[in-house]
Amino acid sequence: MYDLKSWVEMQKMLEETMKPYFEMLGLEMYIDRIVLHPEDCPDTCVDYIWRITCRDKEICDKLREEISKQSGESGEQGGGEEEE
């Protein structure tokens, strides 16, 4: 059986480990939500969504640009529509 408690603890540890690095860049990363039955994959997927917030718009613009370059994508990955 899958050990959900250990998995959640690992996610919290990742969040705490990355916190100082993200703060140095003007970012904050945290667990935003868990979607148990996402619309595009309700029976075999669970979305575990991290949110990154930026100190200001310029930082977010640069982050989005870099993510797009490195991933080769222009929008949100996962096939969904980009949320505003």
Protein backbone atom coordinates (compact mmCIF):
# COMPACT_ATOMS: atom_id res chain seq x y z
CA MET A 1 0.00 0.00 0.00
CA TYR A 2 1.14 3.53 -0.74
CA ASP A 3 2.40 5.41 2.33
CA LEU A 4 0.63 8.74 1.90
CA LYS A 5 1.85 10.15 5.21
CA SER A 6 5.51 9.72 4.19
CA TRP A 7 4.81 11.22 0.78
CA VAL A 8 3.20 14.33 2.30
CA GLU A 9 6.10 14.69 4.74
CA MET A 10 8.55 14.47 1.82
CA GLN A 11 6.66 17.27 0.04
CA LYS A 12 6.81 19.45 3.17
CA MET A 13 10.54 18.76 3.49
CA LEU A 14 11.06 19.77 -0.15
CA GLU A 15 9.14 22.98 0.47
CA GLU A 16 11.26 23.85 3.54
CA THR A 17 14.53 22.94 1.75
CA MET A 18 13.75 25.18 -1.23
CA LYS A 19 12.36 28.08 0.83
CA PRO A 20 15.66 29.99 1.39
CA TYR A 21 16.69 29.61 -2.26
CA PHE A 22 13.32 30.84 -3.50
CA GLU A 23 13.32 33.76 -1.05
CA MET A 24 16.75 34.81 -2.36
CA LEU A 25 15.22 34.96 -5.87
CA GLY A 26 12.17 36.90 -4.69
CA LEU A 27 9.87 33.87 -4.93
CA GLU A 28 7.75 31.78 -2.60
CA MET A 29 6.79 28.16 -3.31
CA TYR A 30 4.00 26.37 -1.50
CA ILE A 31 1.46 23.61 -1.97
CA ASP A 32 -1.56 25.34 -3.46
CA ARG A 33 -4.07 22.50 -3.78
CA ILE A 34 -4.71 18.87 -4.51
CA VAL A 35 -7.28 18.03 -7.21
CA LEU A 36 -8.47 14.48 -6.60
CA HIS A 37 -10.40 14.14 -9.87
CA PRO A 38 -9.02 16.58 -12.49
CA GLU A 39 -11.45 17.23 -15.36
CA ASP A 40 -9.12 15.96 -18.06
CA CYS A 41 -8.22 12.75 -16.20
CA PRO A 42 -10.78 12.06 -13.46
CA ASP A 43 -10.26 8.32 -12.98
CA THR A 44 -6.50 7.79 -13.14
CA CYS A 45 -4.93 11.12 -12.10
CA VAL A 46 -4.48 13.27 -9.02
CA ASP A 47 -3.05 16.78 -9.49
CA TYR A 48 -0.71 17.95 -6.74
CA ILE A 49 -0.18 21.62 -7.52
CA TRP A 50 2.69 23.77 -6.31
CA ARG A 51 2.30 27.52 -6.58
CA ILE A 52 5.19 29.93 -6.99
CA THR A 53 4.46 33.56 -6.14
CA CYS A 54 6.76 36.41 -7.08
CA ARG A 55 7.71 39.53 -5.17
CA ASP A 56 6.78 41.59 -8.23
CA LYS A 57 5.60 41.30 -11.84
CA GLU A 58 9.09 41.69 -13.34
CA ILE A 59 10.35 38.62 -11.46
CA CYS A 60 7.34 36.57 -12.60
CA ASP A 61 7.79 37.70 -16.20
CA LYS A 62 11.43 36.58 -16.16
CA LEU A 63 10.52 33.28 -14.49
CA ARG A 64 7.79 32.56 -17.07
CA GLU A 65 10.15 33.41 -19.92
CA GLU A 66 12.86 31.09 -18.57
CA ILE A 67 10.42 28.23 -17.94
CA SER A 68 9.06 28.61 -21.49
CA LYS A 69 12.56 28.55 -22.98
CA GLN A 70 13.74 25.57 -20.99
CA SER A 71 10.58 23.51 -21.45
CA GLY A 72 10.00 24.38 -25.09
CA GLU A 73 6.42 25.27 -24.17
CA SER A 74 4.62 28.56 -24.49
CA GLY A 75 1.78 27.84 -22.07
CA GLU A 76 0.87 25.68 -19.11
CA GLN A 77 1.97 22.07 -19.32
CA GLY A 78 -0.50 19.27 -18.81
CA GLY A 79 -2.85 20.18 -21.64
CA GLY A 80 -4.99 22.62 -19.66
CA GLU A 81 -5.81 26.20 -20.38
CA GLU A 82 -3.60 28.74 -18.68
CA GLU A 83 -5.27 30.35 -15.69
CA GLU A 84 -4.98 34.09 -15.15
